[in-house]
Amino acid sequence: MRHSVPNVLGIVSFKVFPALMGGQKYIVDYYSVLSQKTKVVLAVSKDNQGALPLDGSLQVLPFLFNHWYGFLNILYCPRLIRLIKKEQIDVIMIDHSYFGWLGVLLRLFTGKQIVIKSANLEAYRFKDMRRWGWQLYELYEKWVHQKANRNFFISDEERQFAIEHWAINSTISYTVPYGTFKTAQVSPEQKQLKRQALLEQFKLSPFTKLFLFNGTLDYTPNEDALYVIVNELIPRLNASKIPYRIIVAGVQIKANWEAQLLLHPSIIFTGFVNDIDNFYQGANCFICPITLGTGVKTKIIDAIAEGQMVIATNKSCQGLSPASLQQQLMVIEDYDWDGFARAMVQLDITQATQTPQSFYTQYHWDHIVQESILSLPR
């Protein structure tokens, strides 16, 4: 390569601006940090127009068809080839496997390396969503990763799965986790002030335990978690007689679910909030009763970065090390809702937790970017 660090063309097949959800932030935050260290050009789908960053931090070109019409992007191959030559691109990075075929095609015409950066194993996400043809997509996804010069997976578990089941070369496979910009958690005093603000905002007694759940609420694993909260956890919590509220925040909720949540006096449904950090800091505990889906539950990393206690199922903790996060992360076996509710009831809201400094080193975006593409052999 001509450069001490590679010039990168990122190709994104869906709407990521503005970055409101964990999956969007995984892409945008990575490229934002990378653009501070080398040239980055993002070719993204047309549905990003009108929501692009205004600070000039990224060079973003929203001209591609999104993944639903991805095959039509063959029409843009000449434009992408010219872009690669003009910007002296060294590496083509494809986010998610959808446009992996496009990367293979561009490599054929330009000779540039391609990297597939996977936020989850899409075929198995489709399986959980009961989408027809997930087995066919797995064949394609496996082929794409096998063809890539390098593969980035969001967790060690998914990387190991691809090595063992898809025969992906382990020497060109790397773990690139979801990150944070936090370098330390807020002080206990600040957390207490945030908690008091929430109690006052929602007119609750000072003894109320505040639990938080947030996410993209029409996403099947999160919808299933809403079902668990309403039908499994709330009856058990009510039987315990503890004073509590479960705050549910997020985007894209279906009308029937919004109506159900609003019926429950134990649930505070906020919809999307701009200041989600205030909720992470002010709640006593983040809950993640998710048993479906693949990939890392980015919301857990966000919560731990804020010094938050987390009660989560085994499934939702993939990609994390519970042993190194004993103060923050209480792991419950999947579908053990008695145990999950018991942990919520027994939570000591007077106990302060301390996220270890090693977490902020391992999961800081600067470290993640440096250890991924910037540290690869040329």
Protein backbone atom coordinates (compact mmCIF):
# COMPACT_ATOMS: atom_id res chain seq x y z
CA MET A 1 0.00 0.00 0.00
CA ARG A 2 1.10 3.56 -0.59
CA HIS A 3 0.17 4.91 2.86
CA SER A 4 1.34 4.27 6.40
CA VAL A 5 -2.36 3.79 7.16
CA PRO A 6 -4.89 2.67 4.54
CA ASN A 7 -7.38 4.95 2.85
CA VAL A 8 -10.78 3.33 3.35
CA LEU A 9 -13.96 3.20 1.31
CA GLY A 10 -16.83 2.14 3.56
CA ILE A 11 -19.96 0.77 1.91
CA VAL A 12 -23.17 0.80 3.97
CA SER A 13 -26.41 -0.69 2.68
CA PHE A 14 -29.01 0.92 4.95
CA LYS A 15 -29.94 4.09 6.85
CA VAL A 16 -27.40 4.93 9.55
CA PHE A 17 -27.77 8.72 9.77
CA PRO A 18 -28.80 9.97 12.24
CA ALA A 19 -27.27 7.25 14.39
CA LEU A 20 -29.99 6.62 16.96
CA MET A 21 -29.82 2.84 17.39
CA GLY A 22 -26.98 0.61 18.51
CA GLY A 23 -26.43 -0.91 15.08
CA GLN A 24 -26.28 2.54 13.47
CA LYS A 25 -23.89 3.82 16.14
CA TYR A 26 -21.64 0.78 15.64
CA ILE A 27 -21.09 1.87 12.05
CA VAL A 28 -21.05 5.66 12.37
CA ASP A 29 -18.88 5.83 15.51
CA TYR A 30 -16.32 3.44 14.02
CA TYR A 31 -15.93 5.44 10.82
CA SER A 32 -15.99 8.76 12.68
CA VAL A 33 -12.98 7.75 14.75
CA LEU A 34 -11.25 6.14 11.78
CA SER A 35 -11.67 9.36 9.76
CA GLN A 36 -9.59 11.17 12.39
CA LYS A 37 -6.67 8.86 11.61
CA THR A 38 -6.88 8.31 7.84
CA LYS A 39 -8.94 9.18 4.79
CA VAL A 40 -12.43 7.67 4.92
CA VAL A 41 -15.06 7.89 2.21
CA LEU A 42 -18.52 6.45 2.96
CA ALA A 43 -20.76 5.32 0.12
CA VAL A 44 -24.17 4.83 1.72
CA SER A 45 -27.74 4.15 0.67
CA LYS A 46 -29.90 6.98 -0.67
CA ASP A 47 -32.22 6.91 2.34
CA ASN A 48 -29.46 8.68 4.32
CA GLN A 49 -29.98 11.90 2.37
CA GLY A 50 -31.18 14.76 4.53
CA ALA A 51 -29.72 13.30 7.73
CA LEU A 52 -25.99 13.50 7.03
CA PRO A 53 -23.49 14.92 9.55
CA LEU A 54 -23.12 18.67 9.14
CA ASP A 55 -19.73 19.06 10.82
CA GLY A 56 -17.76 17.66 7.89
CA SER A 57 -16.32 14.88 10.05
CA LEU A 58 -17.03 12.31 7.37
CA GLN A 59 -17.11 12.40 3.59
CA VAL A 60 -20.46 10.71 2.95
CA LEU A 61 -21.90 9.99 -0.50
CA PRO A 62 -25.55 8.81 -0.34
CA PHE A 63 -26.16 7.36 -3.79
CA LEU A 64 -26.48 3.58 -3.39
CA PHE A 65 -29.68 1.55 -3.46
CA ASN A 66 -30.41 0.08 -0.03
CA HIS A 67 -30.10 -3.63 0.65
CA TRP A 68 -33.69 -4.37 -0.42
CA TYR A 69 -32.71 -3.36 -3.97
CA GLY A 70 -29.03 -4.10 -3.58
CA PHE A 71 -28.61 -5.96 -6.86
CA LEU A 72 -29.26 -2.69 -8.71
CA ASN A 73 -25.98 -1.32 -7.38
CA ILE A 74 -24.24 -3.13 -10.18
CA LEU A 75 -25.22 0.01 -12.12
CA TYR A 76 -22.98 2.04 -9.80
CA CYS A 77 -19.88 -0.13 -10.24
CA PRO A 78 -18.27 2.31 -12.72
CA ARG A 79 -18.86 5.21 -10.30
CA LEU A 80 -17.41 3.26 -7.38
CA ILE A 81 -14.37 2.22 -9.43
CA ARG A 82 -13.72 5.87 -10.36
CA LEU A 83 -14.13 6.84 -6.71
CA ILE A 84 -11.61 4.21 -5.60
CA LYS A 85 -9.05 5.50 -8.09
CA LYS A 86 -9.67 9.19 -7.41
CA GLU A 87 -9.45 8.86 -3.61
CA GLN A 88 -6.55 6.38 -3.77
CA ILE A 89 -8.51 3.86 -1.73
CA ASP A 90 -6.57 0.90 -0.33
CA VAL A 91 -9.30 -1.03 1.50
CA ILE A 92 -12.98 -1.52 0.70
CA MET A 93 -14.93 -2.18 3.90
CA ILE A 94 -18.44 -3.63 3.64
CA ASP A 95 -20.71 -3.24 6.68
CA HIS A 96 -22.90 -6.32 6.99
CA SER A 97 -22.77 -9.06 4.42
CA TYR A 98 -25.54 -7.73 2.15
CA PHE A 99 -23.18 -5.98 -0.26
CA GLY A 100 -20.34 -8.46 0.07
CA TRP A 101 -20.86 -9.48 -3.54
CA LEU A 102 -20.29 -5.85 -4.55
CA GLY A 103 -16.98 -5.83 -2.71
CA VAL A 104 -15.88 -8.99 -4.50
CA LEU A 105 -16.79 -7.40 -7.82
CA LEU A 106 -14.94 -4.16 -7.03
CA ARG A 107 -11.86 -6.13 -6.00
CA LEU A 108 -11.92 -7.88 -9.36
CA PHE A 109 -11.73 -4.52 -11.19
CA THR A 110 -9.46 -2.60 -8.81
CA GLY A 111 -7.32 -5.17 -7.01
CA LYS A 112 -8.11 -3.60 -3.65
CA GLN A 113 -8.60 -5.62 -0.48
CA ILE A 114 -12.08 -6.12 0.91
CA VAL A 115 -13.05 -6.37 4.57
CA ILE A 116 -16.47 -7.60 5.74
CA LYS A 117 -17.45 -6.00 9.06
CA SER A 118 -20.28 -7.96 10.63
CA ALA A 119 -22.46 -6.62 13.43
CA ASN A 120 -24.20 -9.99 13.69
CA LEU A 121 -24.65 -13.23 11.81
CA GLU A 122 -27.52 -12.16 9.60
CA ALA A 123 -28.71 -15.65 8.64
CA TYR A 124 -29.32 -16.58 12.27
CA ARG A 125 -31.00 -13.27 12.97
CA PHE A 126 -33.32 -14.06 10.06
CA LYS A 127 -33.90 -17.51 11.54
CA ASP A 128 -35.04 -15.98 14.84
CA MET A 129 -37.31 -13.63 12.90
CA ARG A 130 -38.74 -16.68 11.09
CA ARG A 131 -37.87 -15.28 7.70
CA TRP A 132 -38.23 -17.64 4.80
CA GLY A 133 -34.97 -18.57 3.10
CA TRP A 134 -32.59 -17.95 5.97
CA GLN A 135 -30.72 -21.14 5.03
CA LEU A 136 -30.12 -19.75 1.54
CA TYR A 137 -28.85 -16.50 3.02
CA GLU A 138 -26.48 -18.47 5.23
CA LEU A 139 -24.92 -20.05 2.14
CA TYR A 140 -24.40 -16.59 0.67
CA GLU A 141 -23.14 -15.10 3.95
CA LYS A 142 -20.66 -17.95 4.36
CA TRP A 143 -19.43 -17.45 0.78
CA VAL A 144 -18.96 -13.71 1.29
CA HIS A 145 -16.87 -14.15 4.42
CA GLN A 146 -14.79 -16.85 2.77
CA LYS A 147 -14.06 -14.50 -0.15
CA ALA A 148 -13.05 -11.52 1.99
CA ASN A 149 -9.40 -10.62 2.54
CA ARG A 150 -10.26 -10.02 6.19
CA ASN A 151 -13.31 -10.50 8.40
CA PHE A 152 -14.34 -8.39 11.37
CA PHE A 153 -16.87 -9.87 13.81
CA ILE A 154 -18.50 -8.01 16.69
CA SER A 155 -17.81 -10.74 19.27
CA ASP A 156 -15.41 -13.59 19.93
CA GLU A 157 -18.35 -16.00 19.92
CA GLU A 158 -19.44 -15.07 16.40
CA ARG A 159 -15.86 -15.11 15.13
CA GLN A 160 -15.36 -18.59 16.58
CA PHE A 161 -18.66 -19.78 15.11
CA ALA A 162 -17.61 -18.61 11.64
CA ILE A 163 -14.25 -20.33 11.98
CA GLU A 164 -15.76 -23.62 13.13
CA HIS A 165 -18.92 -23.78 11.00
CA TRP A 166 -18.10 -21.71 7.92
CA ALA A 167 -14.43 -22.65 7.59
CA ILE A 168 -13.37 -18.99 7.82
CA ASN A 169 -9.59 -18.60 8.00
CA SER A 170 -8.77 -17.76 11.63
CA THR A 171 -5.63 -15.84 10.66
CA ILE A 172 -7.65 -13.23 8.76
CA SER A 173 -10.52 -12.99 11.29
CA TYR A 174 -10.68 -10.38 14.04
CA THR A 175 -13.04 -9.25 16.77
CA VAL A 176 -14.13 -5.60 16.48
CA PRO A 177 -16.52 -4.90 19.38
CA TYR A 178 -19.06 -2.13 19.80
CA GLY A 179 -17.44 0.73 21.65
CA THR A 180 -17.91 3.77 23.83
CA PHE A 181 -16.45 7.26 24.01
CA LYS A 182 -16.62 7.21 27.80
CA THR A 183 -13.34 7.07 29.71
CA ALA A 184 -14.85 6.75 33.20
CA GLN A 185 -18.25 6.48 34.82
CA VAL A 186 -19.96 9.41 36.48
CA SER A 187 -19.55 9.86 40.21
CA PRO A 188 -21.96 8.26 42.72
CA GLU A 189 -23.11 11.77 43.62
CA GLN A 190 -23.96 12.53 40.00
CA LYS A 191 -25.84 9.24 39.66
CA GLN A 192 -27.85 10.05 42.77
CA LEU A 193 -28.77 13.45 41.34
CA LYS A 194 -29.92 11.81 38.09
CA ARG A 195 -31.97 9.29 40.04
CA GLN A 196 -33.61 12.04 42.09
CA ALA A 197 -34.44 13.92 38.89
CA LEU A 198 -36.20 10.84 37.47
CA LEU A 199 -38.13 10.29 40.70
CA GLU A 200 -39.31 13.89 40.60
CA GLN A 201 -40.07 13.82 36.88
CA PHE A 202 -42.35 10.79 37.24
CA LYS A 203 -43.63 11.65 40.74
CA LEU A 204 -42.35 8.49 42.43
CA SER A 205 -41.53 7.71 46.03
CA PRO A 206 -37.85 7.79 47.08
CA PHE A 207 -37.97 4.03 47.72
CA THR A 208 -38.88 3.14 44.13
CA LYS A 209 -36.52 0.82 42.27
CA LEU A 210 -35.99 2.12 38.75
CA PHE A 211 -35.31 -0.42 36.01
CA LEU A 212 -34.52 0.55 32.41
CA PHE A 213 -34.94 -1.21 29.09
CA ASN A 214 -34.36 0.48 25.74
CA GLY A 215 -33.78 -0.37 22.11
CA THR A 216 -35.31 -0.54 18.67
CA LEU A 217 -38.71 -1.74 19.77
CA ASP A 218 -39.97 -3.27 16.52
CA TYR A 219 -36.88 -5.49 16.30
CA THR A 220 -38.00 -9.08 16.96
CA PRO A 221 -35.62 -9.83 19.90
CA ASN A 222 -36.65 -6.57 21.58
CA GLU A 223 -40.35 -7.23 20.93
CA ASP A 224 -39.89 -10.60 22.57
CA ALA A 225 -38.25 -8.86 25.53
CA LEU A 226 -41.31 -6.60 25.84
CA TYR A 227 -43.48 -9.72 25.96
CA VAL A 228 -41.28 -11.11 28.74
CA ILE A 229 -41.42 -7.86 30.71
CA VAL A 230 -45.20 -7.63 30.51
CA ASN A 231 -46.14 -11.30 30.90
CA GLU A 232 -43.30 -12.84 32.91
CA LEU A 233 -41.53 -10.20 34.99
CA ILE A 234 -44.27 -7.77 35.98
CA PRO A 235 -46.55 -10.45 37.54
CA ARG A 236 -43.64 -11.75 39.60
CA LEU A 237 -42.52 -8.26 40.65
CA ASN A 238 -46.08 -7.30 41.61
CA ALA A 239 -46.35 -10.41 43.77
CA SER A 240 -43.21 -9.32 45.64
CA LYS A 241 -44.87 -6.02 46.68
CA ILE A 242 -41.66 -4.01 46.11
CA PRO A 243 -42.09 -0.42 44.87
CA TYR A 244 -40.67 -0.30 41.32
CA ARG A 245 -41.06 1.07 37.82
CA ILE A 246 -39.72 -0.25 34.53
CA ILE A 247 -38.80 2.57 32.15
CA VAL A 248 -39.08 1.51 28.49
CA ALA A 249 -37.42 3.84 25.99
CA GLY A 250 -36.74 3.43 22.29
CA VAL A 251 -37.80 3.98 18.71
CA GLN A 252 -40.09 2.34 16.17
CA ILE A 253 -42.57 0.74 18.51
CA LYS A 254 -45.67 -0.83 16.96
CA ALA A 255 -49.03 0.69 17.87
CA ASN A 256 -50.30 -2.45 19.60
CA TRP A 257 -47.22 -2.62 21.84
CA GLU A 258 -47.40 1.06 22.71
CA ALA A 259 -51.03 0.60 23.75
CA GLN A 260 -50.11 -2.39 25.93
CA LEU A 261 -47.25 -0.58 27.66
CA LEU A 262 -49.38 2.45 28.40
CA LEU A 263 -51.94 0.22 30.15
CA HIS A 264 -49.44 -0.93 32.79
CA PRO A 265 -49.03 1.37 35.80
CA SER A 266 -45.67 -0.30 36.54
CA ILE A 267 -44.25 0.74 33.15
CA ILE A 268 -43.13 4.22 32.18
CA PHE A 269 -43.05 4.34 28.39
CA THR A 270 -41.04 7.32 27.13
CA GLY A 271 -40.57 6.53 23.45
CA PHE A 272 -37.36 7.93 22.01
CA VAL A 273 -35.37 10.22 24.30
CA ASN A 274 -32.44 12.39 23.31
CA ASP A 275 -30.91 12.23 26.77
CA ILE A 276 -30.74 8.45 27.23
CA ASP A 277 -27.53 8.89 29.27
CA ASN A 278 -29.62 10.54 31.99
CA PHE A 279 -31.74 7.39 32.17
CA TYR A 280 -28.71 5.09 32.19
CA GLN A 281 -27.21 7.13 35.03
CA GLY A 282 -30.43 7.66 36.99
CA ALA A 283 -31.96 4.18 36.87
CA ASN A 284 -30.86 1.63 39.44
CA CYS A 285 -30.49 -1.20 36.96
CA PHE A 286 -30.63 -1.96 33.27
CA ILE A 287 -32.49 -5.16 32.39
CA CYS A 288 -31.96 -7.19 29.23
CA PRO A 289 -34.36 -10.19 29.12
CA ILE A 290 -33.44 -11.03 25.51
CA THR A 291 -33.18 -14.63 24.35
CA LEU A 292 -33.30 -14.17 20.56
CA GLY A 293 -30.96 -12.71 17.97
CA THR A 294 -27.22 -12.67 17.41
CA GLY A 295 -24.47 -10.16 17.96
CA VAL A 296 -23.60 -8.07 20.99
CA LYS A 297 -26.40 -6.27 22.79
CA THR A 298 -24.94 -2.78 22.42
CA LYS A 299 -27.30 -1.40 25.06
CA ILE A 300 -25.49 -3.45 27.72
CA ILE A 301 -22.14 -1.89 26.82
CA ASP A 302 -23.72 1.57 26.96
CA ALA A 303 -25.16 0.79 30.40
CA ILE A 304 -21.90 -0.56 31.83
CA ALA A 305 -20.03 2.45 30.45
CA GLU A 306 -22.31 4.60 32.61
CA GLY A 307 -21.50 2.52 35.68
CA GLN A 308 -24.92 0.90 35.59
CA MET A 309 -25.86 -2.43 37.13
CA VAL A 310 -27.16 -4.89 34.52
CA ILE A 311 -29.33 -7.99 34.92
CA ALA A 312 -29.29 -9.96 31.70
CA THR A 313 -29.91 -13.39 30.22
CA ASN A 314 -27.02 -15.58 29.20
CA LYS A 315 -27.94 -15.11 25.52
CA SER A 316 -27.82 -11.34 25.69
CA CYS A 317 -24.33 -11.35 27.26
CA GLN A 318 -22.55 -12.86 24.28
CA GLY A 319 -19.37 -10.96 23.58
CA LEU A 320 -18.92 -9.82 27.18
CA SER A 321 -16.83 -11.26 29.99
CA PRO A 322 -19.03 -11.61 33.10
CA ALA A 323 -16.00 -12.64 35.16
CA SER A 324 -14.37 -9.21 34.65
CA LEU A 325 -17.64 -7.35 35.25
CA GLN A 326 -18.86 -9.02 38.43
CA GLN A 327 -20.04 -5.77 40.02
CA GLN A 328 -22.01 -4.66 36.98
CA LEU A 329 -23.30 -7.78 35.28
CA MET A 330 -25.62 -10.37 36.82
CA VAL A 331 -26.19 -13.19 34.33
CA ILE A 332 -29.37 -15.28 34.53
CA GLU A 333 -29.96 -18.47 32.58
CA ASP A 334 -32.14 -18.05 29.50
CA TYR A 335 -35.89 -18.38 30.23
CA ASP A 336 -35.36 -18.51 34.01
CA TRP A 337 -37.86 -15.73 34.66
CA ASP A 338 -38.24 -16.71 38.31
CA GLY A 339 -34.50 -16.15 38.75
CA PHE A 340 -34.56 -12.96 36.69
CA ALA A 341 -37.39 -11.43 38.72
CA ARG A 342 -35.78 -12.58 41.97
CA ALA A 343 -32.58 -10.75 41.01
CA MET A 344 -34.62 -7.60 40.36
CA VAL A 345 -36.42 -7.90 43.70
CA GLN A 346 -33.20 -8.51 45.63
CA LEU A 347 -31.26 -5.70 43.94
CA ASP A 348 -29.69 -3.46 46.58
CA ILE A 349 -30.18 0.09 45.31
CA THR A 350 -27.88 1.47 48.00
CA GLN A 351 -24.90 -0.49 46.68
CA ALA A 352 -22.58 1.51 44.41
CA THR A 353 -20.93 -0.27 41.49
CA GLN A 354 -17.61 0.56 39.88
CA THR A 355 -16.89 -0.28 36.24
CA PRO A 356 -13.23 -1.38 36.01
CA GLN A 357 -10.87 0.90 34.10
CA SER A 358 -9.92 -2.07 31.91
CA PHE A 359 -13.43 -1.91 30.43
CA TYR A 360 -12.91 1.67 29.25
CA THR A 361 -9.57 0.71 27.71
CA GLN A 362 -10.89 -2.36 25.91
CA TYR A 363 -14.11 -0.80 24.66
CA HIS A 364 -12.99 2.73 23.84
CA TRP A 365 -13.44 3.53 20.16
CA ASP A 366 -9.88 4.80 19.76
CA HIS A 367 -8.53 1.48 20.99
CA ILE A 368 -10.96 -0.55 18.85
CA VAL A 369 -10.11 1.31 15.65
CA GLN A 370 -6.38 1.20 16.32
CA GLU A 371 -6.44 -2.52 17.05
CA SER A 372 -8.53 -3.36 13.99
CA ILE A 373 -7.76 -1.96 10.58
CA LEU A 374 -4.91 0.37 11.57
CA SER A 375 -2.87 -2.47 13.07
CA LEU A 376 -3.31 -4.98 10.29
CA PRO A 377 -0.27 -6.08 8.29
CA ARG A 378 -0.14 -4.22 4.97
